[in-house]
Amino acid sequence: MMSVVDKNGRILSDSFTGYGNYLVGELLHPHWTNFVYWLLALSVLCWGLEILFPWRKDQAVIRQDFWLDAFYMVFNFFLFSLIGYNALSKVAVAAFQDGLAGLGISNLVVWDIAWWPLWARLLTLFVVRDFIQWNVHRLLHRVDWLWQFHKLHHSVEEMGFAAHLRYHPMETLVYRTIEYVPLAMIGFGLTDFFLVHRFTLTIGHLNHTNVYLPLGPLRYVLNNPQAHTWHHAKELPGHHPYGINFGMTLNLWDYLFGTGFFPRGNHQVALGFDGVETFPKRFWHQLRYPFRPTKQFTHGRTTWP
């Protein structure tokens, strides 16, 4: 019988080589379902909208930190997994499943929706996942040590599509860890997950794009650049000291739970947090920022009286 060490070693080895082969295959063989080129096409589309229909017209086409954010897109979506996230997460999942097996639990699924129509599966997965992510996003703002990681995303001072994926890789660990059990309890397929993921990624890109995108009545449901710009505002309304507009894809949760701030009109506000001017400007320094030996755990956002 294979030992735990041997088993985990095999998982790590297979994961490294498997993801490496996958990434090389994606780069060398473009196709309609290719995620790498799909993300590139989405980015070019959003950048084109910024060039043709800029909301902040005085903002340069190659805005502040444009190339840094572009690198974060590549790092967080591909290089981080190649370095080890994909392999380590599979080891963690295997260990969790072994623990469940030791308790006599062979299957986490308690709500089997595999037989539902495709639209119902996608809608259920989308709504449940978005609600979980909304709650995790609030934690990133309310828990001081998590805020130190999330500051990186809020260090954006000029908004653009690539700012969507400027975040600390630790956020990936936090989101995926909290998501894992509730989503594992729903019997959706891997294809369902990837379809929902692409839709939410599209909305996320648009939310950060430098365009004014009024949605009419849909603004009460879907997130949009106007709402998300207020989430990044340097100064917050006084009754929301930890943040506003936490919605990832849906605005619905902020309306329901009183964390929304959606003023009408074409508002443009300063972005960031108190002291953003002194936040590290270089990639490795930004990744090390939350681990610095002397830090003060303060939220660092000013509020209106």
Foldseek 3Di string as FASTA:
>chain_A
DDDLVRVLVVLLVCQLVVLVVVVVCLVVDPDPPRPVVVVVVLQVVLLVCCVVAFLPVVADSCGPCNVVLVVLVCCLPRVVSNVPPRSVVVSVVVVVCVVCVVVVDNALAPAECAVPPLVVLLVVLLVVLQVLQLVLLLCCLPPLLSVQQALQLQLDFQFALSSLRRGASVSVVSSCVSPPRVSSRYNDDPVSVVVSVVVLSSLSSQLRHRHDDDDPPCVQFFHHVQQVQQQFAQEAAPVQVRGAQSGSTTSNVCVVPVRHDHDDDSDDHGGHFAPSVVQDDDDVSSNCRSVDPDDDRDSRGHYDD
